[in-house]
Amino acid sequence: MITNNNCQFNTSFIVEEEYFHPFFRNKVPNAEEVYKDVLQKENEMKFLLSDLESNYANESEFNRLTELVLNGITEHMRQEETF
């Protein structure tokens, strides 16, 4: 289950990096500043997802990481809605 969800997130990251990011960087004022922040947060999310998958058996750490991932996804969605 985790691997499947991780694959879906990775696919989303790839689509954003290949299609959305170039469009965004060309159309949004001060895009480079915003883009650096977005890219940093996406990289953090990739590490969190990897940590989440490797801590599947550790319930307390898994729960903590799950909360961080969900908060990150919510923040990412809010940020995308502003552009």
Protein backbone atom coordinates (compact mmCIF):
# COMPACT_ATOMS: atom_id res chain seq x y z
CA MET A 1 0.00 0.00 0.00
CA ILE A 2 2.70 2.49 0.95
CA THR A 3 4.75 1.68 -2.13
CA ASN A 4 1.73 2.25 -4.39
CA ASN A 5 0.98 5.63 -2.79
CA ASN A 6 4.66 6.57 -2.94
CA CYS A 7 4.61 5.72 -6.66
CA GLN A 8 1.58 7.96 -7.15
CA PHE A 9 3.30 10.84 -5.35
CA ASN A 10 6.47 10.32 -7.38
CA THR A 11 4.42 10.41 -10.58
CA SER A 12 2.82 13.65 -9.41
CA PHE A 13 6.25 15.13 -8.69
CA ILE A 14 7.51 14.12 -12.14
CA VAL A 15 4.50 15.64 -13.90
CA GLU A 16 4.88 18.86 -11.94
CA GLU A 17 8.62 19.07 -12.62
CA GLU A 18 8.26 18.41 -16.35
CA TYR A 19 5.13 20.40 -17.14
CA PHE A 20 3.92 22.68 -14.38
CA HIS A 21 7.23 24.08 -13.16
CA PRO A 22 8.43 25.35 -16.57
CA PHE A 23 5.04 26.94 -17.23
CA PHE A 24 5.00 28.46 -13.75
CA ARG A 25 8.53 29.84 -14.06
CA ASN A 26 7.61 31.58 -17.33
CA LYS A 27 4.25 33.03 -16.28
CA VAL A 28 4.48 34.05 -12.61
CA PRO A 29 6.21 37.28 -11.52
CA ASN A 30 9.13 36.58 -9.14
CA ALA A 31 8.79 32.93 -10.06
CA GLU A 32 12.41 32.05 -9.31
CA GLU A 33 12.03 33.02 -5.64
CA VAL A 34 8.77 31.15 -5.27
CA TYR A 35 10.09 28.22 -7.30
CA LYS A 36 13.07 27.74 -4.98
CA ASP A 37 10.70 27.50 -2.01
CA VAL A 38 8.36 25.09 -3.83
CA LEU A 39 11.25 22.90 -4.94
CA GLN A 40 12.67 22.77 -1.41
CA LYS A 41 9.30 21.73 0.01
CA GLU A 42 8.82 19.08 -2.68
CA ASN A 43 12.26 17.64 -1.94
CA GLU A 44 11.42 17.55 1.77
CA MET A 45 8.22 15.70 0.90
CA LYS A 46 10.17 13.11 -1.12
CA PHE A 47 12.39 12.42 1.90
CA LEU A 48 9.36 12.22 4.20
CA LEU A 49 7.71 9.69 1.91
CA SER A 50 10.85 7.59 1.86
CA ASP A 51 11.08 7.75 5.67
CA LEU A 52 7.41 6.89 5.95
CA GLU A 53 7.86 3.77 3.84
CA SER A 54 10.90 2.61 5.82
CA ASN A 55 9.12 3.15 9.18
CA TYR A 56 6.00 1.17 8.35
CA ALA A 57 6.57 -1.22 11.27
CA ASN A 58 7.25 1.52 13.84
CA GLU A 59 3.75 2.73 14.67
CA SER A 60 4.62 5.90 16.59
CA GLU A 61 7.17 7.08 14.00
CA PHE A 62 4.84 6.08 11.17
CA ASN A 63 2.03 8.15 12.72
CA ARG A 64 4.32 11.15 13.20
CA LEU A 65 5.56 10.97 9.62
CA THR A 66 2.02 10.47 8.29
CA GLU A 67 0.94 13.69 9.99
CA LEU A 68 3.89 15.56 8.48
CA VAL A 69 3.11 14.18 5.01
CA LEU A 70 -0.57 15.10 5.27
CA ASN A 71 0.29 18.61 6.44
CA GLY A 72 2.78 18.95 3.58
CA ILE A 73 0.22 17.80 1.02
CA THR A 74 -2.38 20.24 2.38
CA GLU A 75 0.11 23.10 2.26
CA HIS A 76 1.18 22.15 -1.26
CA MET A 77 -2.43 22.14 -2.46
CA ARG A 78 -3.11 25.53 -0.88
CA GLN A 79 -0.01 26.95 -2.50
CA GLU A 80 -1.00 25.60 -5.91
CA GLU A 81 -4.45 27.13 -5.59
CA THR A 82 -2.95 30.59 -5.18
CA PHE A 83 -1.32 30.43 -8.62
